[in-house]
Amino acid sequence: YDSHEFTRDNLCIINYRGGEYTGHPELYLDRSYWMNGMKNMRKLRPDMEFIIVTDDPEAARKLLPGLPVYHSDLDRDYVMIKNARYLLLSNSTFAFFPAYTSETLRAAIAPKYWARHNVSDGYWASEQNIYSIFQYQDRKGRLFSPEECRKELAAYREKSARYRRAGERPEGLKRSLCLLEAKVRYGIFYLKKILYSLMRRAGYQVPYAKKARQG
């Protein structure tokens, strides 16, 4: 199966990953990532348009209302992403492979630090996630080349005590503090989700929607 229906010079495909990712704050990419990515894509082409290809249409419509949402069988979704000229990607394997096998791709933005986008202070979930075909966007919306990411990681290795301790299992008070930090992060993540859901149901604008309108 192959199709170039969505291979257009002014079309960017957003591959939003919902599903089980919504329960993992270290993996889930919130609205700010996608809004910053769309701004960066419009720097390449002011007339850039966007559609979403996703495994979670309901969540995608809530997160980015107003954009066309597509969800089909895996073959069709894969081909839509593979044959795009511009991609704004999630940190998932399904996002990587169609981009990697693409023959039409001109530019792709992926989350910096990949599966540690939300929590990293310089480390990557895996160094192999620095791919030469992507530009990497940080939490402030800034773009970095693969070469810049590799240089930053090399410097991080030299300076970071956390990196040198990677693989060591914390014990005692240190372990308790690490567990507490993780629980706090998860708690804040879920409280925000509940609060925003209640605000939407009550007819209020959630904070990220206000920012989007102001932008």
N, C-alpha and C. Protein backbone atom coordinates (compact mmCIF):
# COMPACT_ATOMS: atom_id res chain seq x y z
N TYR A 1 0.85 -1.20 0.00
CA TYR A 1 0.00 0.00 0.00
C TYR A 1 0.88 1.24 0.00
N ASP A 2 0.55 2.20 -0.85
CA ASP A 2 1.29 3.46 -0.89
C ASP A 2 0.34 4.57 -1.34
N SER A 3 0.58 5.77 -0.86
CA SER A 3 -0.27 6.90 -1.21
C SER A 3 0.50 8.19 -0.99
N HIS A 4 0.32 9.14 -1.91
CA HIS A 4 0.93 10.46 -1.76
C HIS A 4 -0.15 11.53 -1.64
N GLU A 5 -1.29 11.13 -1.10
CA GLU A 5 -2.41 12.06 -0.95
C GLU A 5 -2.03 13.26 -0.09
N PHE A 6 -1.16 13.04 0.90
CA PHE A 6 -0.81 14.11 1.83
C PHE A 6 0.64 14.58 1.65
N THR A 7 1.21 14.31 0.48
CA THR A 7 2.55 14.80 0.17
C THR A 7 2.42 16.17 -0.47
N ARG A 8 2.37 17.20 0.38
CA ARG A 8 2.18 18.55 -0.13
C ARG A 8 3.28 19.46 0.40
N ASP A 9 3.61 20.48 -0.39
CA ASP A 9 4.72 21.36 -0.04
C ASP A 9 4.44 22.23 1.18
N ASN A 10 3.19 22.44 1.51
CA ASN A 10 2.86 23.31 2.66
C ASN A 10 2.06 22.56 3.72
N LEU A 11 2.29 21.24 3.81
CA LEU A 11 1.56 20.44 4.79
C LEU A 11 2.53 19.73 5.73
N CYS A 12 2.31 19.92 7.02
CA CYS A 12 3.08 19.22 8.06
C CYS A 12 2.15 18.23 8.75
N ILE A 13 2.61 17.00 8.88
CA ILE A 13 1.85 15.99 9.60
C ILE A 13 2.36 15.92 11.04
N ILE A 14 1.45 16.06 11.96
CA ILE A 14 1.73 15.92 13.39
C ILE A 14 1.42 14.49 13.79
N ASN A 15 2.41 13.79 14.31
CA ASN A 15 2.15 12.44 14.82
C ASN A 15 2.03 12.50 16.34
N TYR A 16 0.80 12.60 16.81
CA TYR A 16 0.52 12.70 18.25
C TYR A 16 0.35 11.31 18.83
N ARG A 17 1.09 11.01 19.88
CA ARG A 17 0.99 9.73 20.57
C ARG A 17 0.22 9.93 21.88
N GLY A 18 -0.96 9.33 21.95
CA GLY A 18 -1.75 9.39 23.17
C GLY A 18 -1.72 8.03 23.85
N GLY A 19 -2.91 7.44 24.00
CA GLY A 19 -2.97 6.09 24.56
C GLY A 19 -2.29 5.98 25.90
N GLU A 20 -1.42 4.97 26.02
CA GLU A 20 -0.76 4.73 27.30
C GLU A 20 0.22 5.83 27.67
N TYR A 21 0.65 6.65 26.69
CA TYR A 21 1.57 7.73 27.00
C TYR A 21 0.95 8.76 27.95
N THR A 22 -0.36 8.91 27.92
CA THR A 22 -1.01 9.91 28.77
C THR A 22 -0.85 9.60 30.25
N GLY A 23 -0.48 8.37 30.58
CA GLY A 23 -0.26 8.00 31.97
C GLY A 23 1.19 8.04 32.39
N HIS A 24 2.05 8.58 31.53
CA HIS A 24 3.49 8.62 31.84
C HIS A 24 4.01 10.04 31.62
N PRO A 25 4.10 10.84 32.67
CA PRO A 25 4.50 12.25 32.52
C PRO A 25 5.89 12.44 31.93
N GLU A 26 6.77 11.45 32.07
CA GLU A 26 8.10 11.61 31.47
C GLU A 26 8.06 11.43 29.95
N LEU A 27 7.00 10.78 29.45
CA LEU A 27 6.87 10.51 28.01
C LEU A 27 5.90 11.45 27.32
N TYR A 28 4.83 11.81 28.00
CA TYR A 28 3.73 12.53 27.36
C TYR A 28 4.16 13.95 26.98
N LEU A 29 3.84 14.34 25.76
CA LEU A 29 4.18 15.68 25.27
C LEU A 29 2.95 16.57 25.36
N ASP A 30 3.04 17.63 26.17
CA ASP A 30 1.87 18.47 26.39
C ASP A 30 1.70 19.48 25.25
N ARG A 31 0.69 20.31 25.38
CA ARG A 31 0.31 21.22 24.31
C ARG A 31 1.43 22.18 23.92
N SER A 32 2.24 22.60 24.88
CA SER A 32 3.30 23.57 24.58
C SER A 32 4.29 23.02 23.56
N TYR A 33 4.58 21.73 23.64
CA TYR A 33 5.50 21.13 22.66
C TYR A 33 4.95 21.27 21.25
N TRP A 34 3.67 20.95 21.09
CA TRP A 34 3.07 20.96 19.76
C TRP A 34 2.90 22.40 19.24
N MET A 35 2.51 23.31 20.12
CA MET A 35 2.34 24.70 19.69
C MET A 35 3.69 25.31 19.28
N ASN A 36 4.73 25.04 20.06
CA ASN A 36 6.06 25.53 19.69
C ASN A 36 6.54 24.91 18.38
N GLY A 37 6.24 23.63 18.20
CA GLY A 37 6.63 22.96 16.97
C GLY A 37 5.94 23.54 15.75
N MET A 38 4.66 23.88 15.89
CA MET A 38 3.93 24.49 14.79
C MET A 38 4.51 25.87 14.46
N LYS A 39 4.88 26.63 15.49
CA LYS A 39 5.51 27.93 15.25
C LYS A 39 6.83 27.77 14.50
N ASN A 40 7.61 26.77 14.88
CA ASN A 40 8.89 26.54 14.21
C ASN A 40 8.69 26.09 12.76
N MET A 41 7.67 25.29 12.52
CA MET A 41 7.38 24.89 11.15
C MET A 41 6.94 26.08 10.30
N ARG A 42 6.21 26.99 10.90
CA ARG A 42 5.76 28.17 10.13
C ARG A 42 6.91 29.13 9.84
N LYS A 43 8.02 28.98 10.56
CA LYS A 43 9.21 29.76 10.21
C LYS A 43 9.80 29.25 8.90
N LEU A 44 9.60 27.97 8.62
CA LEU A 44 10.06 27.41 7.34
C LEU A 44 9.13 27.82 6.21
N ARG A 45 7.82 27.78 6.51
CA ARG A 45 6.81 28.17 5.52
C ARG A 45 5.67 28.87 6.26
N PRO A 46 5.49 30.15 6.06
CA PRO A 46 4.40 30.87 6.73
C PRO A 46 3.01 30.32 6.39
N ASP A 47 2.89 29.66 5.23
CA ASP A 47 1.59 29.12 4.82
C ASP A 47 1.41 27.66 5.23
N MET A 48 2.24 27.18 6.15
CA MET A 48 2.19 25.77 6.55
C MET A 48 0.83 25.43 7.16
N GLU A 49 0.29 24.29 6.74
CA GLU A 49 -0.94 23.75 7.29
C GLU A 49 -0.60 22.46 8.04
N PHE A 50 -1.53 22.03 8.91
CA PHE A 50 -1.24 20.89 9.78
C PHE A 50 -2.41 19.93 9.83
N ILE A 51 -2.10 18.64 9.86
CA ILE A 51 -3.07 17.60 10.17
C ILE A 51 -2.43 16.68 11.21
N ILE A 52 -3.27 15.94 11.90
CA ILE A 52 -2.79 15.04 12.95
C ILE A 52 -3.04 13.59 12.54
N VAL A 53 -2.01 12.75 12.68
CA VAL A 53 -2.15 11.31 12.56
C VAL A 53 -1.86 10.74 13.95
N THR A 54 -2.80 9.97 14.49
CA THR A 54 -2.70 9.60 15.90
C THR A 54 -3.34 8.26 16.20
N ASP A 55 -2.93 7.68 17.32
CA ASP A 55 -3.58 6.47 17.83
C ASP A 55 -4.69 6.83 18.81
N ASP A 56 -4.88 8.12 19.09
CA ASP A 56 -5.84 8.56 20.11
C ASP A 56 -6.57 9.80 19.62
N PRO A 57 -7.53 9.64 18.69
CA PRO A 57 -8.21 10.80 18.09
C PRO A 57 -8.91 11.69 19.11
N GLU A 58 -9.54 11.10 20.11
CA GLU A 58 -10.28 11.90 21.09
C GLU A 58 -9.35 12.84 21.85
N ALA A 59 -8.22 12.30 22.32
CA ALA A 59 -7.26 13.14 23.05
C ALA A 59 -6.64 14.19 22.14
N ALA A 60 -6.39 13.83 20.88
CA ALA A 60 -5.79 14.78 19.93
C ALA A 60 -6.72 15.96 19.68
N ARG A 61 -8.02 15.69 19.55
CA ARG A 61 -8.98 16.78 19.30
C ARG A 61 -9.07 17.73 20.50
N LYS A 62 -8.94 17.19 21.70
CA LYS A 62 -8.96 18.04 22.89
C LYS A 62 -7.68 18.86 23.00
N LEU A 63 -6.57 18.25 22.64
CA LEU A 63 -5.28 18.93 22.80
C LEU A 63 -5.08 20.01 21.75
N LEU A 64 -5.44 19.71 20.50
CA LEU A 64 -5.23 20.64 19.39
C LEU A 64 -6.53 20.80 18.61
N PRO A 65 -7.52 21.45 19.22
CA PRO A 65 -8.82 21.59 18.55
C PRO A 65 -8.70 22.39 17.26
N GLY A 66 -9.51 22.00 16.29
CA GLY A 66 -9.53 22.72 15.02
C GLY A 66 -8.68 22.10 13.93
N LEU A 67 -7.78 21.19 14.28
CA LEU A 67 -6.95 20.54 13.27
C LEU A 67 -7.60 19.23 12.82
N PRO A 68 -7.51 18.90 11.53
CA PRO A 68 -8.03 17.62 11.06
C PRO A 68 -7.28 16.46 11.71
N VAL A 69 -8.02 15.44 12.12
CA VAL A 69 -7.44 14.29 12.82
C VAL A 69 -7.70 13.02 12.01
N TYR A 70 -6.66 12.22 11.83
CA TYR A 70 -6.77 10.98 11.07
C TYR A 70 -6.30 9.81 11.93
N HIS A 71 -7.08 8.75 11.88
CA HIS A 71 -6.69 7.50 12.55
C HIS A 71 -7.26 6.35 11.74
N SER A 72 -6.37 5.53 11.20
CA SER A 72 -6.81 4.42 10.35
C SER A 72 -6.03 3.18 10.75
N ASP A 73 -5.92 2.22 9.82
CA ASP A 73 -5.10 1.05 10.10
C ASP A 73 -3.63 1.46 10.08
N LEU A 74 -2.78 0.59 10.61
CA LEU A 74 -1.37 0.93 10.76
C LEU A 74 -0.70 1.22 9.42
N ASP A 75 -1.08 0.47 8.38
CA ASP A 75 -0.45 0.68 7.07
C ASP A 75 -0.70 2.09 6.56
N ARG A 76 -1.94 2.53 6.64
CA ARG A 76 -2.28 3.86 6.12
C ARG A 76 -1.62 4.95 6.96
N ASP A 77 -1.67 4.81 8.28
CA ASP A 77 -1.03 5.82 9.14
C ASP A 77 0.47 5.89 8.87
N TYR A 78 1.09 4.73 8.70
CA TYR A 78 2.53 4.68 8.43
C TYR A 78 2.86 5.41 7.13
N VAL A 79 2.09 5.13 6.09
CA VAL A 79 2.34 5.72 4.77
C VAL A 79 2.10 7.23 4.79
N MET A 80 1.08 7.68 5.51
CA MET A 80 0.82 9.11 5.61
C MET A 80 2.03 9.84 6.20
N ILE A 81 2.61 9.25 7.24
CA ILE A 81 3.78 9.86 7.87
C ILE A 81 5.01 9.74 6.97
N LYS A 82 5.22 8.57 6.41
CA LYS A 82 6.41 8.32 5.59
C LYS A 82 6.49 9.24 4.37
N ASN A 83 5.36 9.54 3.77
CA ASN A 83 5.36 10.31 2.52
C ASN A 83 5.15 11.80 2.73
N ALA A 84 5.18 12.24 3.98
CA ALA A 84 5.03 13.68 4.25
C ALA A 84 6.33 14.42 3.92
N ARG A 85 6.20 15.71 3.64
CA ARG A 85 7.39 16.55 3.44
C ARG A 85 7.86 17.16 4.76
N TYR A 86 6.93 17.39 5.67
CA TYR A 86 7.26 17.99 6.97
C TYR A 86 6.59 17.18 8.07
N LEU A 87 7.33 16.94 9.15
CA LEU A 87 6.82 16.14 10.25
C LEU A 87 7.11 16.81 11.59
N LEU A 88 6.12 16.78 12.46
CA LEU A 88 6.27 17.17 13.86
C LEU A 88 5.94 15.92 14.67
N LEU A 89 6.95 15.35 15.31
CA LEU A 89 6.86 13.98 15.79
C LEU A 89 6.78 13.85 17.30
N SER A 90 6.20 12.75 17.73
CA SER A 90 6.24 12.34 19.13
C SER A 90 7.50 11.51 19.36
N ASN A 91 7.72 11.14 20.61
CA ASN A 91 8.90 10.37 20.97
C ASN A 91 8.57 8.87 21.00
N SER A 92 8.18 8.33 19.85
CA SER A 92 7.78 6.93 19.79
C SER A 92 8.46 6.24 18.61
N THR A 93 8.56 4.92 18.71
CA THR A 93 9.15 4.13 17.63
C THR A 93 8.33 4.26 16.37
N PHE A 94 7.00 4.30 16.52
CA PHE A 94 6.14 4.41 15.34
C PHE A 94 6.37 5.73 14.61
N ALA A 95 6.76 6.76 15.32
CA ALA A 95 7.08 8.03 14.67
C ALA A 95 8.42 7.95 13.95
N PHE A 96 9.37 7.25 14.54
CA PHE A 96 10.72 7.21 13.97
C PHE A 96 10.80 6.47 12.64
N PHE A 97 10.26 5.27 12.58
CA PHE A 97 10.49 4.42 11.41
C PHE A 97 9.95 4.99 10.11
N PRO A 98 8.72 5.51 10.05
CA PRO A 98 8.29 6.10 8.78
C PRO A 98 9.12 7.31 8.37
N ALA A 99 9.56 8.10 9.35
CA ALA A 99 10.43 9.24 9.03
C ALA A 99 11.78 8.75 8.50
N TYR A 100 12.31 7.71 9.11
CA TYR A 100 13.62 7.18 8.73
C TYR A 100 13.60 6.57 7.33
N THR A 101 12.47 6.00 6.93
CA THR A 101 12.37 5.36 5.62
C THR A 101 11.80 6.29 4.55
N SER A 102 11.57 7.55 4.90
CA SER A 102 10.96 8.49 3.96
C SER A 102 11.91 8.88 2.84
N GLU A 103 11.34 9.07 1.66
CA GLU A 103 12.09 9.59 0.51
C GLU A 103 11.60 10.98 0.13
N THR A 104 10.64 11.50 0.87
CA THR A 104 10.06 12.81 0.55
C THR A 104 10.34 13.86 1.62
N LEU A 105 10.89 13.44 2.75
CA LEU A 105 11.02 14.31 3.92
C LEU A 105 11.98 15.48 3.68
N ARG A 106 11.53 16.68 4.04
CA ARG A 106 12.36 17.87 3.97
C ARG A 106 12.80 18.36 5.34
N ALA A 107 11.92 18.24 6.33
CA ALA A 107 12.26 18.68 7.68
C ALA A 107 11.40 17.93 8.69
N ALA A 108 12.01 17.59 9.81
CA ALA A 108 11.28 16.90 10.88
C ALA A 108 11.75 17.43 12.22
N ILE A 109 10.79 17.68 13.10
CA ILE A 109 11.08 18.12 14.47
C ILE A 109 10.67 17.01 15.43
N ALA A 110 11.57 16.69 16.35
CA ALA A 110 11.31 15.67 17.37
C ALA A 110 11.67 16.25 18.74
N PRO A 111 11.15 15.65 19.82
CA PRO A 111 11.44 16.17 21.16
C PRO A 111 12.88 15.92 21.58
N LYS A 112 13.53 16.97 22.04
CA LYS A 112 14.89 16.83 22.55
C LYS A 112 14.88 15.93 23.78
N TYR A 113 15.87 15.08 23.88
CA TYR A 113 16.02 14.06 24.93
C TYR A 113 15.06 12.90 24.73
N TRP A 114 14.28 12.93 23.65
CA TRP A 114 13.38 11.83 23.25
C TRP A 114 12.46 11.44 24.41
N ALA A 115 12.61 10.25 24.98
CA ALA A 115 11.69 9.78 26.02
C ALA A 115 11.94 10.43 27.37
N ARG A 116 12.89 11.35 27.46
CA ARG A 116 13.14 12.07 28.71
C ARG A 116 12.95 13.58 28.50
N HIS A 117 12.16 13.93 27.50
CA HIS A 117 11.96 15.33 27.14
C HIS A 117 11.52 16.18 28.33
N ASN A 118 10.63 15.66 29.15
CA ASN A 118 10.03 16.45 30.23
C ASN A 118 10.88 16.53 31.49
N VAL A 119 11.86 15.66 31.63
CA VAL A 119 12.56 15.56 32.91
C VAL A 119 14.08 15.74 32.82
N SER A 120 14.63 15.71 31.62
CA SER A 120 16.09 15.69 31.49
C SER A 120 16.73 17.04 31.78
N ASP A 121 17.92 16.99 32.36
CA ASP A 121 18.74 18.19 32.51
C ASP A 121 19.96 18.12 31.59
N GLY A 122 19.87 17.23 30.59
CA GLY A 122 20.97 17.09 29.64
C GLY A 122 21.21 15.68 29.15
N TYR A 123 20.59 14.70 29.80
CA TYR A 123 20.80 13.30 29.41
C TYR A 123 19.68 12.83 28.48
N TRP A 124 19.94 11.76 27.75
CA TRP A 124 18.97 11.14 26.85
C TRP A 124 18.60 9.77 27.39
N ALA A 125 17.38 9.32 27.07
CA ALA A 125 16.98 7.97 27.44
C ALA A 125 17.94 6.96 26.81
N SER A 126 18.34 7.24 25.57
CA SER A 126 19.35 6.45 24.88
C SER A 126 20.08 7.37 23.91
N GLU A 127 21.39 7.27 23.86
CA GLU A 127 22.16 8.09 22.93
C GLU A 127 21.80 7.77 21.48
N GLN A 128 21.28 6.58 21.24
CA GLN A 128 20.90 6.19 19.88
C GLN A 128 19.71 6.99 19.37
N ASN A 129 19.02 7.69 20.26
CA ASN A 129 17.86 8.49 19.85
C ASN A 129 18.24 9.84 19.24
N ILE A 130 19.52 10.11 19.11
CA ILE A 130 19.96 11.32 18.40
C ILE A 130 20.15 10.93 16.93
N TYR A 131 19.14 11.19 16.13
CA TYR A 131 19.15 10.78 14.72
C TYR A 131 19.50 11.97 13.83
N SER A 132 20.25 11.70 12.78
CA SER A 132 20.73 12.77 11.91
C SER A 132 19.63 13.42 11.09
N ILE A 133 18.46 12.79 10.98
CA ILE A 133 17.39 13.33 10.12
C ILE A 133 16.48 14.32 10.85
N PHE A 134 16.66 14.51 12.15
CA PHE A 134 15.75 15.35 12.93
C PHE A 134 16.41 16.64 13.39
N GLN A 135 15.57 17.65 13.61
CA GLN A 135 15.89 18.78 14.46
C GLN A 135 15.21 18.50 15.80
N TYR A 136 15.87 18.86 16.89
CA TYR A 136 15.33 18.53 18.21
C TYR A 136 14.89 19.79 18.94
N GLN A 137 13.67 19.75 19.44
CA GLN A 137 13.07 20.91 20.11
C GLN A 137 13.05 20.70 21.61
N ASP A 138 13.56 21.70 22.34
CA ASP A 138 13.57 21.58 23.80
C ASP A 138 12.28 22.12 24.41
N ARG A 139 12.22 22.15 25.73
CA ARG A 139 10.98 22.53 26.42
C ARG A 139 10.63 24.00 26.23
N LYS A 140 11.60 24.81 25.81
CA LYS A 140 11.34 26.23 25.55
C LYS A 140 11.03 26.51 24.08
N GLY A 141 11.01 25.46 23.26
CA GLY A 141 10.70 25.63 21.85
C GLY A 141 11.91 25.93 20.98
N ARG A 142 13.11 25.85 21.54
CA ARG A 142 14.32 26.10 20.76
C ARG A 142 14.72 24.83 20.00
N LEU A 143 15.28 25.02 18.81
CA LEU A 143 15.68 23.90 17.98
C LEU A 143 17.19 23.67 18.05
N PHE A 144 17.57 22.40 18.02
CA PHE A 144 18.97 22.00 18.07
C PHE A 144 19.23 20.97 16.99
N SER A 145 20.38 21.07 16.36
CA SER A 145 20.77 20.08 15.36
C SER A 145 21.26 18.81 16.06
N PRO A 146 21.32 17.68 15.36
CA PRO A 146 21.88 16.47 15.97
C PRO A 146 23.31 16.68 16.46
N GLU A 147 24.10 17.43 15.69
CA GLU A 147 25.48 17.68 16.09
C GLU A 147 25.54 18.47 17.41
N GLU A 148 24.67 19.46 17.55
CA GLU A 148 24.63 20.23 18.80
C GLU A 148 24.21 19.34 19.96
N CYS A 149 23.28 18.44 19.72
CA CYS A 149 22.83 17.53 20.79
C CYS A 149 23.95 16.59 21.22
N ARG A 150 24.72 16.10 20.26
CA ARG A 150 25.82 15.19 20.60
C ARG A 150 26.92 15.92 21.38
N LYS A 151 27.21 17.15 20.99
CA LYS A 151 28.22 17.93 21.72
C LYS A 151 27.76 18.22 23.15
N GLU A 152 26.48 18.57 23.28
CA GLU A 152 25.93 18.84 24.61
C GLU A 152 26.00 17.60 25.48
N LEU A 153 25.67 16.44 24.90
CA LEU A 153 25.70 15.20 25.67
C LEU A 153 27.12 14.84 26.08
N ALA A 154 28.08 15.07 25.20
CA ALA A 154 29.48 14.79 25.53
C ALA A 154 29.94 15.66 26.71
N ALA A 155 29.55 16.93 26.70
CA ALA A 155 29.89 17.83 27.81
C ALA A 155 29.19 17.40 29.09
N TYR A 156 27.96 16.94 28.94
CA TYR A 156 27.18 16.48 30.10
C TYR A 156 27.85 15.28 30.75
N ARG A 157 28.35 14.37 29.93
CA ARG A 157 29.03 13.18 30.46
C ARG A 157 30.21 13.58 31.35
N GLU A 158 30.93 14.60 30.92
CA GLU A 158 32.12 15.02 31.66
C GLU A 158 31.79 15.70 32.98
N LYS A 159 30.69 16.43 33.02
CA LYS A 159 30.40 17.29 34.17
C LYS A 159 29.36 16.72 35.13
N SER A 160 28.50 15.85 34.65
CA SER A 160 27.34 15.47 35.44
C SER A 160 27.63 14.30 36.37
N ALA A 161 27.43 14.54 37.66
CA ALA A 161 27.55 13.46 38.63
C ALA A 161 26.43 12.45 38.42
N ARG A 162 25.26 12.93 38.00
CA ARG A 162 24.12 12.02 37.75
C ARG A 162 24.47 11.02 36.66
N TYR A 163 25.10 11.48 35.60
CA TYR A 163 25.46 10.58 34.50
C TYR A 163 26.48 9.54 34.97
N ARG A 164 27.44 9.98 35.77
CA ARG A 164 28.45 9.04 36.26
C ARG A 164 27.84 8.01 37.20
N ARG A 165 26.72 8.38 37.84
CA ARG A 165 26.08 7.44 38.76
C ARG A 165 25.02 6.59 38.07
N ALA A 166 24.87 6.76 36.76
CA ALA A 166 23.84 6.01 36.04
C ALA A 166 24.05 4.51 36.23
N GLY A 167 22.99 3.82 36.55
CA GLY A 167 23.06 2.38 36.77
C GLY A 167 23.23 2.01 38.24
N GLU A 168 23.60 2.99 39.07
CA GLU A 168 23.72 2.72 40.50
C GLU A 168 22.34 2.80 41.16
N ARG A 169 22.04 1.84 41.99
CA ARG A 169 20.76 1.82 42.68
C ARG A 169 20.86 2.63 43.97
N PRO A 170 20.05 3.70 44.11
CA PRO A 170 20.12 4.50 45.34
C PRO A 170 19.63 3.69 46.54
N GLU A 171 20.19 3.97 47.69
CA GLU A 171 19.82 3.26 48.91
C GLU A 171 19.50 4.26 50.01
N GLY A 172 18.82 3.78 51.03
CA GLY A 172 18.54 4.56 52.22
C GLY A 172 17.76 5.83 51.95
N LEU A 173 18.22 6.94 52.58
CA LEU A 173 17.53 8.22 52.47
C LEU A 173 17.48 8.69 51.01
N LYS A 174 18.55 8.47 50.29
CA LYS A 174 18.60 8.90 48.89
C LYS A 174 17.51 8.21 48.07
N ARG A 175 17.31 6.92 48.31
CA ARG A 175 16.26 6.19 47.60
C ARG A 175 14.89 6.73 47.96
N SER A 176 14.69 7.02 49.24
CA SER A 176 13.40 7.56 49.69
C SER A 176 13.11 8.90 49.04
N LEU A 177 14.13 9.75 48.94
CA LEU A 177 13.95 11.06 48.31
C LEU A 177 13.65 10.92 46.82
N CYS A 178 14.30 9.98 46.15
CA CYS A 178 14.03 9.75 44.73
C CYS A 178 12.60 9.29 44.51
N LEU A 179 12.13 8.39 45.36
CA LEU A 179 10.76 7.91 45.25
C LEU A 179 9.76 9.03 45.52
N LEU A 180 10.08 9.88 46.52
CA LEU A 180 9.20 11.00 46.82
C LEU A 180 9.14 11.97 45.65
N GLU A 181 10.28 12.27 45.05
CA GLU A 181 10.31 13.17 43.89
C GLU A 181 9.46 12.61 42.75
N ALA A 182 9.58 11.31 42.51
CA ALA A 182 8.80 10.69 41.44
C ALA A 182 7.30 10.78 41.72
N LYS A 183 6.92 10.54 42.98
CA LYS A 183 5.50 10.62 43.34
C LYS A 183 4.96 12.04 43.19
N VAL A 184 5.78 13.02 43.56
CA VAL A 184 5.36 14.42 43.42
C VAL A 184 5.15 14.77 41.95
N ARG A 185 6.08 14.36 41.09
CA ARG A 185 5.95 14.62 39.66
C ARG A 185 4.67 14.00 39.10
N TYR A 186 4.43 12.75 39.44
CA TYR A 186 3.23 12.07 38.95
C TYR A 186 1.97 12.72 39.52
N GLY A 187 2.03 13.10 40.79
CA GLY A 187 0.87 13.74 41.40
C GLY A 187 0.50 15.05 40.73
N ILE A 188 1.49 15.89 40.47
CA ILE A 188 1.24 17.16 39.78
C ILE A 188 0.69 16.92 38.39
N PHE A 189 1.26 15.95 37.69
CA PHE A 189 0.80 15.63 36.33
C PHE A 189 -0.68 15.25 36.33
N TYR A 190 -1.07 14.35 37.23
CA TYR A 190 -2.46 13.89 37.25
C TYR A 190 -3.41 14.97 37.77
N LEU A 191 -2.97 15.77 38.72
CA LEU A 191 -3.82 16.85 39.22
C LEU A 191 -4.12 17.86 38.13
N LYS A 192 -3.11 18.18 37.31
CA LYS A 192 -3.33 19.11 36.20
C LYS A 192 -4.31 18.52 35.19
N LYS A 193 -4.19 17.23 34.91
CA LYS A 193 -5.12 16.60 33.97
C LYS A 193 -6.55 16.66 34.50
N ILE A 194 -6.73 16.37 35.78
CA ILE A 194 -8.06 16.40 36.38
C ILE A 194 -8.62 17.81 36.38
N LEU A 195 -7.78 18.79 36.78
CA LEU A 195 -8.22 20.18 36.84
C LEU A 195 -8.65 20.67 35.47
N TYR A 196 -7.84 20.43 34.44
CA TYR A 196 -8.16 20.90 33.10
C TYR A 196 -9.42 20.22 32.56
N SER A 197 -9.60 18.95 32.90
CA SER A 197 -10.81 18.25 32.47
C SER A 197 -12.05 18.87 33.10
N LEU A 198 -11.97 19.17 34.40
CA LEU A 198 -13.11 19.79 35.09
C LEU A 198 -13.39 21.18 34.54
N MET A 199 -12.34 21.94 34.22
CA MET A 199 -12.52 23.28 33.67
C MET A 199 -13.20 23.23 32.31
N ARG A 200 -12.79 22.27 31.48
CA ARG A 200 -13.43 22.14 30.16
C ARG A 200 -14.90 21.80 30.30
N ARG A 201 -15.22 20.87 31.20
CA ARG A 201 -16.62 20.46 31.39
C ARG A 201 -17.48 21.60 31.92
N ALA A 202 -16.86 22.48 32.73
CA ALA A 202 -17.60 23.60 33.29
C ALA A 202 -17.68 24.79 32.34
N GLY A 203 -17.02 24.68 31.20
CA GLY A 203 -17.08 25.75 30.21
C GLY A 203 -16.00 26.79 30.33
N TYR A 204 -15.00 26.56 31.20
CA TYR A 204 -13.91 27.52 31.35
C TYR A 204 -12.78 27.21 30.36
N GLN A 205 -12.02 28.26 30.03
CA GLN A 205 -10.83 28.05 29.21
C GLN A 205 -9.69 27.55 30.09
N VAL A 206 -9.03 26.51 29.62
CA VAL A 206 -7.87 26.04 30.36
C VAL A 206 -6.69 26.94 30.03
N PRO A 207 -5.66 27.01 30.90
CA PRO A 207 -4.56 27.96 30.69
C PRO A 207 -3.87 27.84 29.34
N TYR A 208 -3.63 26.59 28.85
CA TYR A 208 -2.91 26.49 27.59
C TYR A 208 -3.74 26.99 26.43
N ALA A 209 -5.07 26.93 26.52
CA ALA A 209 -5.92 27.46 25.45
C ALA A 209 -5.83 28.98 25.40
N LYS A 210 -5.75 29.62 26.58
CA LYS A 210 -5.61 31.07 26.61
C LYS A 210 -4.30 31.50 25.96
N LYS A 211 -3.21 30.77 26.26
CA LYS A 211 -1.91 31.10 25.68
C LYS A 211 -1.95 30.96 24.17
N ALA A 212 -2.62 29.92 23.69
CA ALA A 212 -2.68 29.69 22.25
C ALA A 212 -3.40 30.83 21.56
N ARG A 213 -4.49 31.34 22.16
CA ARG A 213 -5.23 32.44 21.55
C ARG A 213 -4.43 33.73 21.56
N GLN A 214 -3.68 33.94 22.65
CA GLN A 214 -2.86 35.15 22.73
C GLN A 214 -1.74 35.10 21.70
N GLY A 215 -1.21 33.86 21.42
CA GLY A 215 -0.13 33.73 20.45
C GLY A 215 -0.63 33.90 19.05
